[in-house]
């Protein structure tokens, strides 16, 4: 698919983000979002770490230590498309 991944955090949060490896073996999350239940039973996305310079659109990305992540997996196509619509990557 791409580098847009679902991350399950030890805190229980489900994140959706473009993911890159950092030089020290941790992950860099660019345009990270939380996945939240929608009113219609679907899934919505909301910005995560949006109050930080690096977590905001156009930022360098937030570094997450691997020890805080339970798993990383490819996003379902519908969620992937929703993320790409939000951030305009043109990968849909």
N, C-alpha and C. Protein backbone atom coordinates (compact mmCIF):
# COMPACT_ATOMS: atom_id res chain seq x y z
N UNK A 1 0.84 -1.18 0.00
CA UNK A 1 0.00 0.00 0.00
C UNK A 1 0.89 1.24 0.00
N UNK A 2 1.25 1.74 1.14
CA UNK A 2 2.14 2.90 1.22
C UNK A 2 2.71 2.96 2.62
N UNK A 3 3.20 4.11 2.97
CA UNK A 3 3.74 4.29 4.31
C UNK A 3 2.68 4.84 5.27
N UNK A 4 1.39 4.85 4.88
CA UNK A 4 0.30 5.22 5.78
C UNK A 4 -0.06 3.97 6.58
N UNK A 5 0.10 4.06 7.89
CA UNK A 5 -0.06 2.90 8.75
C UNK A 5 -1.00 3.18 9.91
N UNK A 6 -1.55 2.11 10.46
CA UNK A 6 -2.30 2.13 11.71
C UNK A 6 -1.32 1.72 12.80
N UNK A 7 -1.29 2.48 13.88
CA UNK A 7 -0.43 2.16 15.02
C UNK A 7 -1.31 2.00 16.24
N UNK A 8 -1.17 0.91 16.95
CA UNK A 8 -1.85 0.70 18.22
C UNK A 8 -0.84 1.03 19.31
N UNK A 9 -1.16 2.06 20.08
CA UNK A 9 -0.25 2.52 21.12
C UNK A 9 -0.53 1.79 22.44
N UNK A 10 0.46 1.71 23.31
CA UNK A 10 0.28 1.08 24.62
C UNK A 10 -0.79 1.81 25.44
N UNK A 11 -1.04 3.07 25.15
CA UNK A 11 -2.06 3.85 25.85
C UNK A 11 -3.47 3.44 25.42
N UNK A 12 -3.58 2.63 24.36
CA UNK A 12 -4.88 2.22 23.84
C UNK A 12 -5.31 3.03 22.63
N UNK A 13 -4.61 4.11 22.33
CA UNK A 13 -4.97 4.93 21.18
C UNK A 13 -4.68 4.21 19.88
N UNK A 14 -5.53 4.43 18.90
CA UNK A 14 -5.29 3.97 17.54
C UNK A 14 -4.94 5.19 16.72
N UNK A 15 -3.75 5.18 16.15
CA UNK A 15 -3.29 6.31 15.35
C UNK A 15 -3.19 5.90 13.88
N UNK A 16 -3.31 6.88 13.02
CA UNK A 16 -3.15 6.71 11.59
C UNK A 16 -2.17 7.78 11.14
N UNK A 17 -1.12 7.38 10.43
CA UNK A 17 -0.08 8.34 10.11
C UNK A 17 0.79 7.84 8.97
N UNK A 18 1.44 8.79 8.32
CA UNK A 18 2.56 8.43 7.45
C UNK A 18 3.71 8.08 8.40
N UNK A 19 4.37 6.97 8.15
CA UNK A 19 5.39 6.48 9.07
C UNK A 19 6.73 6.35 8.35
N UNK A 20 7.77 6.84 9.02
CA UNK A 20 9.15 6.69 8.52
C UNK A 20 10.00 6.19 9.67
N UNK A 21 11.06 5.48 9.35
CA UNK A 21 12.03 5.07 10.36
C UNK A 21 12.97 6.23 10.64
N UNK A 22 13.31 6.43 11.91
CA UNK A 22 14.28 7.46 12.26
C UNK A 22 15.66 6.82 12.34
N UNK A 23 16.68 7.64 12.42
CA UNK A 23 18.05 7.15 12.46
C UNK A 23 18.33 6.29 13.69
N UNK A 24 17.60 6.54 14.78
CA UNK A 24 17.85 5.79 16.01
C UNK A 24 16.93 4.58 16.18
N UNK A 25 16.21 4.21 15.12
CA UNK A 25 15.37 3.01 15.16
C UNK A 25 13.96 3.25 15.65
N UNK A 26 13.61 4.47 16.04
CA UNK A 26 12.25 4.79 16.42
C UNK A 26 11.45 5.14 15.17
N UNK A 27 10.20 5.57 15.34
CA UNK A 27 9.38 5.93 14.18
C UNK A 27 9.10 7.42 14.18
N UNK A 28 9.01 7.98 12.98
CA UNK A 28 8.62 9.37 12.80
C UNK A 28 7.22 9.35 12.20
N UNK A 29 6.27 10.02 12.89
CA UNK A 29 4.89 10.09 12.42
C UNK A 29 4.63 11.46 11.82
N UNK A 30 4.31 11.47 10.53
CA UNK A 30 4.02 12.72 9.84
C UNK A 30 2.51 12.82 9.66
N UNK A 31 1.93 13.94 10.03
CA UNK A 31 0.48 14.16 10.00
C UNK A 31 -0.27 13.09 10.79
N UNK A 32 0.10 12.84 12.04
CA UNK A 32 -0.57 11.79 12.82
C UNK A 32 -2.00 12.17 13.17
N UNK A 33 -2.88 11.16 13.14
CA UNK A 33 -4.30 11.34 13.48
C UNK A 33 -4.74 10.23 14.41
N UNK A 34 -5.74 10.55 15.23
CA UNK A 34 -6.41 9.54 16.05
C UNK A 34 -7.58 9.02 15.25
N UNK A 35 -7.89 7.76 15.41
CA UNK A 35 -9.09 7.22 14.81
C UNK A 35 -10.18 7.23 15.87
N UNK A 36 -11.33 7.81 15.54
CA UNK A 36 -12.41 7.97 16.50
C UNK A 36 -13.71 7.44 15.88
N UNK A 37 -14.60 6.89 16.73
CA UNK A 37 -15.88 6.41 16.19
C UNK A 37 -16.70 7.57 15.64
N UNK A 38 -17.29 7.36 14.47
CA UNK A 38 -18.14 8.37 13.86
C UNK A 38 -19.59 8.19 14.29
N UNK A 39 -20.40 9.20 14.08
CA UNK A 39 -21.81 9.16 14.47
C UNK A 39 -22.59 8.11 13.67
N UNK A 40 -22.17 7.84 12.46
CA UNK A 40 -22.88 6.90 11.60
C UNK A 40 -22.37 5.47 11.75
N UNK A 41 -21.55 5.23 12.76
CA UNK A 41 -21.00 3.90 12.96
C UNK A 41 -19.68 3.68 12.24
N UNK A 42 -19.25 4.65 11.45
CA UNK A 42 -17.98 4.56 10.75
C UNK A 42 -16.84 5.04 11.62
N UNK A 43 -15.71 5.25 10.99
CA UNK A 43 -14.52 5.73 11.69
C UNK A 43 -14.15 7.10 11.13
N UNK A 44 -13.87 8.02 12.04
CA UNK A 44 -13.40 9.34 11.65
C UNK A 44 -11.96 9.50 12.08
N UNK A 45 -11.32 10.52 11.57
CA UNK A 45 -9.95 10.81 11.99
C UNK A 45 -9.88 12.24 12.50
N UNK A 46 -9.08 12.44 13.53
CA UNK A 46 -8.89 13.76 14.13
C UNK A 46 -7.40 13.96 14.35
N UNK A 47 -6.92 15.18 14.16
CA UNK A 47 -5.48 15.43 14.34
C UNK A 47 -5.00 15.01 15.73
N UNK A 48 -3.78 14.50 15.78
CA UNK A 48 -3.12 14.10 17.03
C UNK A 48 -1.81 14.86 17.09
N UNK A 49 -1.50 15.43 18.21
CA UNK A 49 -0.29 16.25 18.40
C UNK A 49 -0.32 17.48 17.51
N UNK A 50 -1.53 17.96 17.20
CA UNK A 50 -1.68 19.12 16.30
C UNK A 50 -1.18 20.41 16.92
N UNK A 51 -1.05 20.43 18.24
CA UNK A 51 -0.58 21.64 18.89
C UNK A 51 0.94 21.77 18.89
N UNK A 52 1.60 20.75 18.32
CA UNK A 52 3.05 20.80 18.22
C UNK A 52 3.46 21.22 16.81
N UNK A 53 4.60 21.83 16.69
CA UNK A 53 5.12 22.24 15.39
C UNK A 53 5.37 21.03 14.48
N UNK A 54 5.96 19.98 15.03
CA UNK A 54 6.33 18.82 14.23
C UNK A 54 5.13 17.94 13.88
N UNK A 55 4.08 17.94 14.71
CA UNK A 55 2.91 17.12 14.45
C UNK A 55 1.88 17.76 13.54
N UNK A 56 2.01 19.06 13.31
CA UNK A 56 1.08 19.79 12.46
C UNK A 56 1.36 19.49 10.99
N UNK A 57 0.33 19.63 10.13
CA UNK A 57 0.58 19.47 8.69
C UNK A 57 1.74 20.36 8.25
N UNK A 58 2.64 19.80 7.51
CA UNK A 58 3.82 20.53 7.07
C UNK A 58 4.99 20.42 8.02
N UNK A 59 4.76 19.87 9.21
CA UNK A 59 5.84 19.70 10.19
C UNK A 59 6.75 18.55 9.81
N UNK A 60 7.85 18.42 10.53
CA UNK A 60 8.83 17.37 10.25
C UNK A 60 8.37 15.99 10.72
N UNK A 61 7.42 15.94 11.63
CA UNK A 61 6.94 14.67 12.16
C UNK A 61 7.32 14.50 13.62
N UNK A 62 6.53 13.72 14.32
CA UNK A 62 6.72 13.45 15.74
C UNK A 62 7.47 12.12 15.88
N UNK A 63 8.50 12.10 16.71
CA UNK A 63 9.26 10.88 16.95
C UNK A 63 8.59 10.09 18.07
N UNK A 64 8.29 8.82 17.80
CA UNK A 64 7.68 7.93 18.77
C UNK A 64 8.64 6.78 19.04
N UNK A 65 8.89 6.51 20.30
CA UNK A 65 9.76 5.38 20.65
C UNK A 65 9.02 4.07 20.43
N UNK A 66 9.70 3.11 19.86
CA UNK A 66 9.10 1.81 19.56
C UNK A 66 8.50 1.14 20.78
N UNK A 67 9.05 1.40 21.95
CA UNK A 67 8.56 0.75 23.16
C UNK A 67 7.14 1.20 23.56
N UNK A 68 6.64 2.26 22.92
CA UNK A 68 5.29 2.76 23.21
C UNK A 68 4.26 2.25 22.21
N UNK A 69 4.68 1.39 21.28
CA UNK A 69 3.81 0.92 20.21
C UNK A 69 3.58 -0.58 20.38
N UNK A 70 2.31 -0.99 20.31
CA UNK A 70 1.99 -2.42 20.37
C UNK A 70 2.17 -3.07 19.01
N UNK A 71 1.63 -2.42 17.95
CA UNK A 71 1.83 -2.94 16.60
C UNK A 71 1.65 -1.84 15.56
N UNK A 72 2.16 -2.12 14.37
CA UNK A 72 2.02 -1.24 13.20
C UNK A 72 1.52 -2.13 12.07
N UNK A 73 0.48 -1.64 11.35
CA UNK A 73 -0.10 -2.44 10.27
C UNK A 73 -0.60 -1.51 9.16
N UNK A 74 -0.79 -2.08 7.97
CA UNK A 74 -1.38 -1.33 6.87
C UNK A 74 -2.81 -0.95 7.21
N UNK A 75 -3.23 0.22 6.78
CA UNK A 75 -4.61 0.68 6.98
C UNK A 75 -5.53 0.03 5.96
N UNK A 76 -6.80 -0.17 6.36
CA UNK A 76 -7.80 -0.62 5.40
C UNK A 76 -7.94 0.44 4.33
N UNK A 77 -8.33 0.03 3.13
CA UNK A 77 -8.39 0.95 1.99
C UNK A 77 -9.27 2.17 2.27
N UNK A 78 -10.42 1.98 2.91
CA UNK A 78 -11.33 3.09 3.19
C UNK A 78 -10.68 4.12 4.11
N UNK A 79 -10.00 3.65 5.15
CA UNK A 79 -9.33 4.53 6.10
C UNK A 79 -8.14 5.22 5.41
N UNK A 80 -7.40 4.46 4.64
CA UNK A 80 -6.27 4.99 3.86
C UNK A 80 -6.75 6.13 2.95
N UNK A 81 -7.85 5.91 2.25
CA UNK A 81 -8.38 6.94 1.35
C UNK A 81 -8.84 8.17 2.10
N UNK A 82 -9.48 7.96 3.25
CA UNK A 82 -9.93 9.08 4.07
C UNK A 82 -8.73 9.92 4.52
N UNK A 83 -7.67 9.27 4.94
CA UNK A 83 -6.46 9.97 5.37
C UNK A 83 -5.87 10.78 4.21
N UNK A 84 -5.79 10.17 3.04
CA UNK A 84 -5.21 10.85 1.89
C UNK A 84 -6.07 12.01 1.41
N UNK A 85 -7.38 11.91 1.56
CA UNK A 85 -8.25 13.04 1.24
C UNK A 85 -7.97 14.21 2.17
N UNK A 86 -7.77 13.91 3.44
CA UNK A 86 -7.52 14.93 4.46
C UNK A 86 -6.19 15.67 4.20
N UNK A 87 -5.17 14.93 3.82
CA UNK A 87 -3.84 15.52 3.71
C UNK A 87 -3.39 15.74 2.27
N UNK A 88 -4.26 15.44 1.29
CA UNK A 88 -4.00 15.80 -0.09
C UNK A 88 -2.75 15.21 -0.71
N UNK A 89 -2.42 13.97 -0.35
CA UNK A 89 -1.19 13.40 -0.87
C UNK A 89 -1.32 12.93 -2.33
N UNK A 90 -2.55 12.83 -2.80
CA UNK A 90 -2.74 12.41 -4.18
C UNK A 90 -2.50 10.94 -4.41
N UNK A 91 -2.46 10.12 -3.35
CA UNK A 91 -2.19 8.71 -3.49
C UNK A 91 -3.46 7.86 -3.58
N UNK A 92 -4.64 8.51 -3.54
CA UNK A 92 -5.89 7.77 -3.55
C UNK A 92 -6.08 7.06 -4.87
